Amino acid sequence: MKRILLILVFCFFLSASFIAGMTIKERPNITNYCPAFLDKNTDILWALVQNFRLENNLKPYTKNQILCDIANTRAQEIITDFSHDKFLNRFQNYPYLIAENLARYVAFEPDILGGWLNSPSHAKALYASYAYSCIACSNDHCVQIFTNF
């Protein structure tokens, strides 16, 4: 445990030294240096979100492959363009209400959920009555897609 903590601290300072003073587009891909620290486990994040739903007397989401495909595409897109613009343009005429939550540069999965819950617009999506969802992560960029069919 002590060794893992030391590795995480090292990775944090290593990554911080790389990105200090850089714009988003100038930031290098530091995942080559600390991949275990930056790669997010979507199964863990999914379980945390489902547990949150149950704890708040909300129905758990049903995972949907269509939404998983969208989430996987978006996880790749937000690495270079971290915004909702492509999503909003792509789904402006979608026949169902559809939403997304985004996260990046967050160290641990519980912190991603915590960040979403501390943001009114992201929390609104998590508390809404969406029946279907999927989460995808690409390194340290994560996306959750929600809809009802």
N, C-alpha and C. Protein backbone atom coordinates (compact mmCIF):
# COMPACT_ATOMS: atom_id res chain seq x y z
N MET A 1 0.82 -1.19 0.00
CA MET A 1 0.00 0.00 0.00
C MET A 1 0.87 1.26 0.00
N LYS A 2 1.92 1.23 0.80
CA LYS A 2 2.83 2.36 0.87
C LYS A 2 3.49 2.60 -0.49
N ARG A 3 3.85 1.51 -1.15
CA ARG A 3 4.49 1.62 -2.47
C ARG A 3 3.54 2.22 -3.50
N ILE A 4 2.28 1.80 -3.47
CA ILE A 4 1.29 2.34 -4.40
C ILE A 4 1.09 3.83 -4.15
N LEU A 5 1.01 4.23 -2.89
CA LEU A 5 0.87 5.63 -2.55
C LEU A 5 2.05 6.44 -3.06
N LEU A 6 3.25 5.93 -2.90
CA LEU A 6 4.44 6.62 -3.39
C LEU A 6 4.41 6.76 -4.91
N ILE A 7 3.97 5.72 -5.59
CA ILE A 7 3.87 5.78 -7.06
C ILE A 7 2.85 6.83 -7.47
N LEU A 8 1.71 6.85 -6.80
CA LEU A 8 0.68 7.84 -7.13
C LEU A 8 1.17 9.26 -6.89
N VAL A 9 1.88 9.47 -5.78
CA VAL A 9 2.42 10.80 -5.50
C VAL A 9 3.44 11.17 -6.56
N PHE A 10 4.30 10.24 -6.93
CA PHE A 10 5.28 10.49 -7.98
C PHE A 10 4.59 10.86 -9.29
N CYS A 11 3.58 10.08 -9.66
CA CYS A 11 2.85 10.35 -10.91
C CYS A 11 2.18 11.71 -10.87
N PHE A 12 1.63 12.07 -9.72
CA PHE A 12 0.98 13.37 -9.60
C PHE A 12 1.98 14.49 -9.86
N PHE A 13 3.13 14.43 -9.19
CA PHE A 13 4.12 15.49 -9.35
C PHE A 13 4.74 15.47 -10.75
N LEU A 14 4.91 14.29 -11.31
CA LEU A 14 5.42 14.19 -12.66
C LEU A 14 4.45 14.83 -13.65
N SER A 15 3.17 14.48 -13.52
CA SER A 15 2.18 15.04 -14.44
C SER A 15 2.01 16.54 -14.21
N ALA A 16 2.05 16.99 -12.95
CA ALA A 16 1.90 18.41 -12.65
C ALA A 16 3.05 19.21 -13.25
N SER A 17 4.26 18.65 -13.21
CA SER A 17 5.40 19.36 -13.77
C SER A 17 5.28 19.48 -15.29
N PHE A 18 4.65 18.52 -15.93
CA PHE A 18 4.48 18.58 -17.39
C PHE A 18 3.44 19.60 -17.80
N ILE A 19 2.36 19.70 -17.04
CA ILE A 19 1.26 20.52 -17.51
C ILE A 19 1.26 21.93 -16.93
N ALA A 20 2.12 22.20 -15.96
CA ALA A 20 2.16 23.53 -15.37
C ALA A 20 2.50 24.57 -16.45
N GLY A 21 1.69 25.58 -16.53
CA GLY A 21 1.95 26.67 -17.46
C GLY A 21 1.61 26.38 -18.90
N MET A 22 0.98 25.28 -19.21
CA MET A 22 0.64 24.95 -20.59
C MET A 22 -0.85 25.13 -20.83
N THR A 23 -1.19 25.47 -22.05
CA THR A 23 -2.60 25.50 -22.40
C THR A 23 -3.06 24.07 -22.61
N ILE A 24 -4.35 23.87 -22.69
CA ILE A 24 -4.91 22.52 -22.86
C ILE A 24 -4.34 21.86 -24.12
N LYS A 25 -4.24 22.58 -25.22
CA LYS A 25 -3.77 21.98 -26.47
C LYS A 25 -2.28 21.66 -26.44
N GLU A 26 -1.52 22.33 -25.57
CA GLU A 26 -0.08 22.08 -25.48
C GLU A 26 0.25 20.91 -24.56
N ARG A 27 -0.71 20.47 -23.76
CA ARG A 27 -0.42 19.44 -22.78
C ARG A 27 -0.05 18.13 -23.45
N PRO A 28 1.05 17.53 -23.01
CA PRO A 28 1.47 16.26 -23.59
C PRO A 28 0.59 15.12 -23.09
N ASN A 29 0.68 14.00 -23.76
CA ASN A 29 -0.03 12.80 -23.32
C ASN A 29 0.78 12.16 -22.21
N ILE A 30 0.45 12.52 -20.96
CA ILE A 30 1.23 12.01 -19.83
C ILE A 30 0.82 10.61 -19.45
N THR A 31 -0.15 10.03 -20.14
CA THR A 31 -0.57 8.67 -19.80
C THR A 31 0.55 7.67 -20.06
N ASN A 32 1.52 8.02 -20.89
CA ASN A 32 2.64 7.11 -21.12
C ASN A 32 3.50 6.96 -19.88
N TYR A 33 3.44 7.92 -18.99
CA TYR A 33 4.28 7.90 -17.80
C TYR A 33 3.59 7.22 -16.61
N CYS A 34 2.28 7.41 -16.48
CA CYS A 34 1.55 6.88 -15.33
C CYS A 34 0.19 6.32 -15.78
N PRO A 35 0.15 5.33 -16.63
CA PRO A 35 -1.13 4.88 -17.16
C PRO A 35 -2.08 4.34 -16.10
N ALA A 36 -1.57 3.66 -15.07
CA ALA A 36 -2.45 3.11 -14.05
C ALA A 36 -3.13 4.22 -13.25
N PHE A 37 -2.46 5.35 -13.13
CA PHE A 37 -3.01 6.47 -12.39
C PHE A 37 -4.10 7.17 -13.19
N LEU A 38 -3.94 7.24 -14.48
CA LEU A 38 -4.86 8.02 -15.30
C LEU A 38 -5.99 7.21 -15.92
N ASP A 39 -5.77 5.96 -16.23
CA ASP A 39 -6.82 5.16 -16.83
C ASP A 39 -7.96 4.99 -15.85
N LYS A 40 -9.16 5.26 -16.32
CA LYS A 40 -10.33 5.12 -15.47
C LYS A 40 -11.02 3.80 -15.76
N ASN A 41 -11.53 3.19 -14.70
CA ASN A 41 -12.24 1.92 -14.82
C ASN A 41 -13.72 2.23 -14.94
N THR A 42 -14.27 2.02 -16.13
CA THR A 42 -15.69 2.35 -16.36
C THR A 42 -16.60 1.46 -15.53
N ASP A 43 -16.19 0.24 -15.24
CA ASP A 43 -17.03 -0.63 -14.41
C ASP A 43 -17.16 -0.08 -13.00
N ILE A 44 -16.09 0.47 -12.47
CA ILE A 44 -16.14 1.07 -11.14
C ILE A 44 -17.03 2.30 -11.15
N LEU A 45 -16.84 3.16 -12.15
CA LEU A 45 -17.64 4.38 -12.24
C LEU A 45 -19.12 4.03 -12.44
N TRP A 46 -19.40 3.04 -13.27
CA TRP A 46 -20.78 2.60 -13.50
C TRP A 46 -21.40 2.11 -12.18
N ALA A 47 -20.67 1.31 -11.44
CA ALA A 47 -21.17 0.79 -10.17
C ALA A 47 -21.43 1.92 -9.17
N LEU A 48 -20.56 2.91 -9.14
CA LEU A 48 -20.76 4.05 -8.25
C LEU A 48 -22.02 4.82 -8.61
N VAL A 49 -22.22 5.03 -9.91
CA VAL A 49 -23.41 5.76 -10.36
C VAL A 49 -24.67 4.95 -10.05
N GLN A 50 -24.64 3.66 -10.32
CA GLN A 50 -25.81 2.81 -10.03
C GLN A 50 -26.11 2.81 -8.53
N ASN A 51 -25.07 2.74 -7.70
CA ASN A 51 -25.26 2.76 -6.26
C ASN A 51 -25.86 4.10 -5.82
N PHE A 52 -25.39 5.19 -6.40
CA PHE A 52 -25.96 6.51 -6.13
C PHE A 52 -27.45 6.52 -6.45
N ARG A 53 -27.82 5.96 -7.59
CA ARG A 53 -29.24 5.93 -7.97
C ARG A 53 -30.06 5.16 -6.93
N LEU A 54 -29.58 4.01 -6.53
CA LEU A 54 -30.30 3.20 -5.56
C LEU A 54 -30.41 3.89 -4.20
N GLU A 55 -29.32 4.51 -3.77
CA GLU A 55 -29.33 5.22 -2.48
C GLU A 55 -30.30 6.39 -2.46
N ASN A 56 -30.63 6.91 -3.63
CA ASN A 56 -31.54 8.05 -3.73
C ASN A 56 -32.91 7.65 -4.24
N ASN A 57 -33.24 6.38 -4.07
CA ASN A 57 -34.56 5.84 -4.47
C ASN A 57 -34.89 6.10 -5.93
N LEU A 58 -33.86 6.04 -6.77
CA LEU A 58 -34.03 6.17 -8.21
C LEU A 58 -33.78 4.82 -8.85
N LYS A 59 -34.46 4.56 -9.94
CA LYS A 59 -34.25 3.28 -10.63
C LYS A 59 -32.84 3.26 -11.22
N PRO A 60 -32.17 2.12 -11.14
CA PRO A 60 -30.85 2.02 -11.79
C PRO A 60 -31.02 2.10 -13.30
N TYR A 61 -29.97 2.54 -13.94
CA TYR A 61 -29.99 2.62 -15.40
C TYR A 61 -29.89 1.24 -16.02
N THR A 62 -30.44 1.12 -17.20
CA THR A 62 -30.20 -0.05 -18.04
C THR A 62 -29.12 0.34 -19.03
N LYS A 63 -28.07 -0.44 -19.08
CA LYS A 63 -26.99 -0.16 -20.03
C LYS A 63 -27.48 -0.48 -21.43
N ASN A 64 -27.19 0.42 -22.37
CA ASN A 64 -27.67 0.28 -23.73
C ASN A 64 -26.50 0.40 -24.70
N GLN A 65 -26.38 -0.55 -25.62
CA GLN A 65 -25.23 -0.58 -26.54
C GLN A 65 -25.19 0.63 -27.45
N ILE A 66 -26.33 1.14 -27.87
CA ILE A 66 -26.33 2.35 -28.72
C ILE A 66 -25.69 3.51 -27.95
N LEU A 67 -26.06 3.64 -26.69
CA LEU A 67 -25.48 4.71 -25.88
C LEU A 67 -24.01 4.45 -25.59
N CYS A 68 -23.64 3.19 -25.45
CA CYS A 68 -22.23 2.85 -25.24
C CYS A 68 -21.39 3.23 -26.46
N ASP A 69 -21.93 3.01 -27.64
CA ASP A 69 -21.23 3.41 -28.87
C ASP A 69 -21.05 4.92 -28.92
N ILE A 70 -22.10 5.65 -28.56
CA ILE A 70 -22.03 7.12 -28.52
C ILE A 70 -20.99 7.55 -27.48
N ALA A 71 -21.05 6.96 -26.29
CA ALA A 71 -20.13 7.32 -25.21
C ALA A 71 -18.68 7.04 -25.60
N ASN A 72 -18.44 5.90 -26.24
CA ASN A 72 -17.07 5.58 -26.67
C ASN A 72 -16.56 6.58 -27.70
N THR A 73 -17.41 6.97 -28.63
CA THR A 73 -17.03 7.99 -29.62
C THR A 73 -16.74 9.31 -28.93
N ARG A 74 -17.62 9.71 -28.02
CA ARG A 74 -17.44 10.98 -27.32
C ARG A 74 -16.19 10.97 -26.43
N ALA A 75 -15.88 9.84 -25.81
CA ALA A 75 -14.69 9.77 -24.96
C ALA A 75 -13.43 10.06 -25.77
N GLN A 76 -13.41 9.60 -27.02
CA GLN A 76 -12.28 9.91 -27.89
C GLN A 76 -12.30 11.37 -28.34
N GLU A 77 -13.47 11.89 -28.66
CA GLU A 77 -13.59 13.27 -29.15
C GLU A 77 -13.17 14.29 -28.11
N ILE A 78 -13.53 14.06 -26.85
CA ILE A 78 -13.27 15.09 -25.85
C ILE A 78 -11.80 15.16 -25.43
N ILE A 79 -11.00 14.23 -25.90
CA ILE A 79 -9.56 14.33 -25.63
C ILE A 79 -8.99 15.57 -26.31
N THR A 80 -9.48 15.87 -27.51
CA THR A 80 -8.98 17.04 -28.25
C THR A 80 -9.96 18.21 -28.26
N ASP A 81 -11.22 17.97 -27.94
CA ASP A 81 -12.23 19.04 -27.94
C ASP A 81 -13.17 18.82 -26.76
N PHE A 82 -12.74 19.31 -25.59
CA PHE A 82 -13.52 19.08 -24.37
C PHE A 82 -14.65 20.09 -24.27
N SER A 83 -15.75 19.75 -24.92
CA SER A 83 -16.95 20.60 -24.87
C SER A 83 -18.14 19.74 -25.25
N HIS A 84 -19.31 20.31 -25.05
CA HIS A 84 -20.55 19.63 -25.42
C HIS A 84 -20.98 19.97 -26.84
N ASP A 85 -20.22 20.79 -27.54
CA ASP A 85 -20.64 21.30 -28.85
C ASP A 85 -20.94 20.21 -29.87
N LYS A 86 -20.01 19.28 -30.07
CA LYS A 86 -20.24 18.21 -31.05
C LYS A 86 -21.46 17.38 -30.67
N PHE A 87 -21.60 17.09 -29.39
CA PHE A 87 -22.74 16.32 -28.90
C PHE A 87 -24.04 17.06 -29.20
N LEU A 88 -24.09 18.34 -28.84
CA LEU A 88 -25.31 19.12 -29.04
C LEU A 88 -25.65 19.24 -30.52
N ASN A 89 -24.66 19.46 -31.36
CA ASN A 89 -24.91 19.55 -32.81
C ASN A 89 -25.38 18.22 -33.38
N ARG A 90 -24.76 17.14 -32.95
CA ARG A 90 -25.08 15.82 -33.46
C ARG A 90 -26.50 15.37 -33.08
N PHE A 91 -26.95 15.73 -31.89
CA PHE A 91 -28.22 15.21 -31.39
C PHE A 91 -29.31 16.27 -31.24
N GLN A 92 -29.16 17.41 -31.91
CA GLN A 92 -30.16 18.46 -31.78
C GLN A 92 -31.53 18.05 -32.33
N ASN A 93 -31.55 17.15 -33.28
CA ASN A 93 -32.82 16.68 -33.84
C ASN A 93 -33.14 15.24 -33.45
N TYR A 94 -32.49 14.76 -32.42
CA TYR A 94 -32.72 13.39 -31.93
C TYR A 94 -34.16 13.29 -31.43
N PRO A 95 -34.86 12.20 -31.72
CA PRO A 95 -36.27 12.13 -31.33
C PRO A 95 -36.51 11.95 -29.83
N TYR A 96 -35.45 11.73 -29.06
CA TYR A 96 -35.56 11.54 -27.61
C TYR A 96 -34.69 12.57 -26.90
N LEU A 97 -35.06 12.90 -25.68
CA LEU A 97 -34.21 13.74 -24.86
C LEU A 97 -32.95 12.95 -24.54
N ILE A 98 -31.80 13.56 -24.80
CA ILE A 98 -30.52 12.88 -24.56
C ILE A 98 -29.57 13.88 -23.91
N ALA A 99 -28.78 13.40 -22.97
CA ALA A 99 -27.86 14.29 -22.24
C ALA A 99 -26.53 13.58 -22.05
N GLU A 100 -25.51 14.38 -21.70
CA GLU A 100 -24.20 13.81 -21.42
C GLU A 100 -23.56 14.54 -20.26
N ASN A 101 -22.77 13.80 -19.50
CA ASN A 101 -21.88 14.36 -18.49
C ASN A 101 -20.46 14.05 -18.92
N LEU A 102 -19.57 15.02 -18.76
CA LEU A 102 -18.16 14.87 -19.13
C LEU A 102 -17.28 15.06 -17.91
N ALA A 103 -16.14 14.43 -17.92
CA ALA A 103 -15.14 14.64 -16.87
C ALA A 103 -13.76 14.41 -17.47
N ARG A 104 -12.77 15.12 -16.93
CA ARG A 104 -11.38 14.91 -17.34
C ARG A 104 -10.45 15.32 -16.22
N TYR A 105 -9.26 14.76 -16.26
CA TYR A 105 -8.19 15.08 -15.31
C TYR A 105 -8.62 14.88 -13.86
N VAL A 106 -9.46 13.89 -13.59
CA VAL A 106 -9.88 13.58 -12.23
C VAL A 106 -9.18 12.28 -11.83
N ALA A 107 -8.58 12.26 -10.65
CA ALA A 107 -7.72 11.15 -10.27
C ALA A 107 -8.45 9.83 -10.07
N PHE A 108 -9.61 9.86 -9.41
CA PHE A 108 -10.26 8.61 -9.04
C PHE A 108 -11.75 8.64 -9.40
N GLU A 109 -12.29 7.47 -9.65
CA GLU A 109 -13.68 7.34 -10.08
C GLU A 109 -14.68 7.98 -9.12
N PRO A 110 -14.54 7.80 -7.79
CA PRO A 110 -15.50 8.47 -6.89
C PRO A 110 -15.47 9.99 -7.02
N ASP A 111 -14.30 10.54 -7.37
CA ASP A 111 -14.20 11.98 -7.54
C ASP A 111 -14.92 12.46 -8.80
N ILE A 112 -15.00 11.59 -9.81
CA ILE A 112 -15.76 11.95 -11.01
C ILE A 112 -17.23 12.10 -10.64
N LEU A 113 -17.78 11.08 -9.97
CA LEU A 113 -19.18 11.16 -9.54
C LEU A 113 -19.38 12.36 -8.62
N GLY A 114 -18.48 12.58 -7.69
CA GLY A 114 -18.59 13.72 -6.79
C GLY A 114 -18.60 15.04 -7.53
N GLY A 115 -17.76 15.16 -8.54
CA GLY A 115 -17.73 16.38 -9.35
C GLY A 115 -19.04 16.60 -10.08
N TRP A 116 -19.58 15.53 -10.64
CA TRP A 116 -20.87 15.64 -11.32
C TRP A 116 -21.96 16.05 -10.34
N LEU A 117 -21.96 15.48 -9.15
CA LEU A 117 -22.99 15.80 -8.17
C LEU A 117 -22.85 17.21 -7.62
N ASN A 118 -21.64 17.77 -7.64
CA ASN A 118 -21.43 19.14 -7.18
C ASN A 118 -21.69 20.18 -8.24
N SER A 119 -22.00 19.75 -9.44
CA SER A 119 -22.33 20.66 -10.54
C SER A 119 -23.84 20.58 -10.79
N PRO A 120 -24.57 21.67 -10.64
CA PRO A 120 -26.03 21.60 -10.79
C PRO A 120 -26.51 20.97 -12.10
N SER A 121 -25.88 21.32 -13.21
CA SER A 121 -26.36 20.77 -14.49
C SER A 121 -26.03 19.28 -14.62
N HIS A 122 -24.88 18.86 -14.12
CA HIS A 122 -24.53 17.45 -14.17
C HIS A 122 -25.38 16.64 -13.19
N ALA A 123 -25.59 17.19 -12.00
CA ALA A 123 -26.42 16.50 -11.00
C ALA A 123 -27.85 16.35 -11.52
N LYS A 124 -28.33 17.36 -12.23
CA LYS A 124 -29.69 17.30 -12.78
C LYS A 124 -29.86 16.07 -13.67
N ALA A 125 -28.85 15.80 -14.49
CA ALA A 125 -28.90 14.62 -15.37
C ALA A 125 -28.89 13.33 -14.55
N LEU A 126 -28.11 13.30 -13.48
CA LEU A 126 -28.02 12.09 -12.65
C LEU A 126 -29.31 11.83 -11.86
N TYR A 127 -30.00 12.90 -11.48
CA TYR A 127 -31.25 12.76 -10.73
C TYR A 127 -32.46 12.59 -11.64
N ALA A 128 -32.30 12.88 -12.92
CA ALA A 128 -33.43 12.81 -13.86
C ALA A 128 -33.91 11.36 -14.02
N SER A 129 -35.04 11.21 -14.63
CA SER A 129 -35.65 9.88 -14.75
C SER A 129 -35.24 9.14 -16.02
N TYR A 130 -34.02 9.36 -16.46
CA TYR A 130 -33.53 8.60 -17.61
C TYR A 130 -33.49 7.12 -17.26
N ALA A 131 -33.89 6.29 -18.22
CA ALA A 131 -33.90 4.84 -17.99
C ALA A 131 -32.64 4.17 -18.52
N TYR A 132 -32.03 4.76 -19.54
CA TYR A 132 -30.90 4.14 -20.22
C TYR A 132 -29.67 5.02 -20.12
N SER A 133 -28.51 4.37 -20.00
CA SER A 133 -27.27 5.12 -19.88
C SER A 133 -26.10 4.23 -20.24
N CYS A 134 -24.96 4.87 -20.42
CA CYS A 134 -23.70 4.15 -20.58
C CYS A 134 -22.56 5.11 -20.28
N ILE A 135 -21.49 4.57 -19.74
CA ILE A 135 -20.30 5.34 -19.42
C ILE A 135 -19.13 4.77 -20.21
N ALA A 136 -18.32 5.66 -20.75
CA ALA A 136 -17.09 5.25 -21.43
C ALA A 136 -15.98 6.21 -21.01
N CYS A 137 -14.79 5.67 -20.85
CA CYS A 137 -13.62 6.49 -20.53
C CYS A 137 -12.50 6.19 -21.50
N SER A 138 -11.75 7.20 -21.82
CA SER A 138 -10.53 7.05 -22.60
C SER A 138 -9.43 7.73 -21.79
N ASN A 139 -8.58 6.91 -21.19
CA ASN A 139 -7.56 7.39 -20.26
C ASN A 139 -8.24 8.18 -19.14
N ASP A 140 -8.02 9.48 -19.07
CA ASP A 140 -8.59 10.27 -17.99
C ASP A 140 -9.75 11.16 -18.44
N HIS A 141 -10.39 10.81 -19.53
CA HIS A 141 -11.56 11.52 -20.03
C HIS A 141 -12.75 10.56 -20.00
N CYS A 142 -13.82 10.96 -19.32
CA CYS A 142 -15.00 10.08 -19.18
C CYS A 142 -16.26 10.79 -19.63
N VAL A 143 -17.19 9.97 -20.14
CA VAL A 143 -18.47 10.46 -20.65
C VAL A 143 -19.57 9.54 -20.14
N GLN A 144 -20.66 10.15 -19.69
CA GLN A 144 -21.88 9.37 -19.42
C GLN A 144 -22.97 9.94 -20.30
N ILE A 145 -23.65 9.05 -21.02
CA ILE A 145 -24.76 9.42 -21.90
C ILE A 145 -26.04 8.91 -21.27
N PHE A 146 -27.11 9.70 -21.36
CA PHE A 146 -28.41 9.35 -20.79
C PHE A 146 -29.50 9.54 -21.83
N THR A 147 -30.52 8.71 -21.82
CA THR A 147 -31.71 8.95 -22.64
C THR A 147 -32.84 8.03 -22.19
N ASN A 148 -33.99 8.27 -22.75
CA ASN A 148 -35.15 7.39 -22.69
C ASN A 148 -35.54 7.08 -24.13
N PHE A 149 -35.82 5.85 -24.43
CA PHE A 149 -36.25 5.49 -25.79
C PHE A 149 -37.75 5.36 -25.80
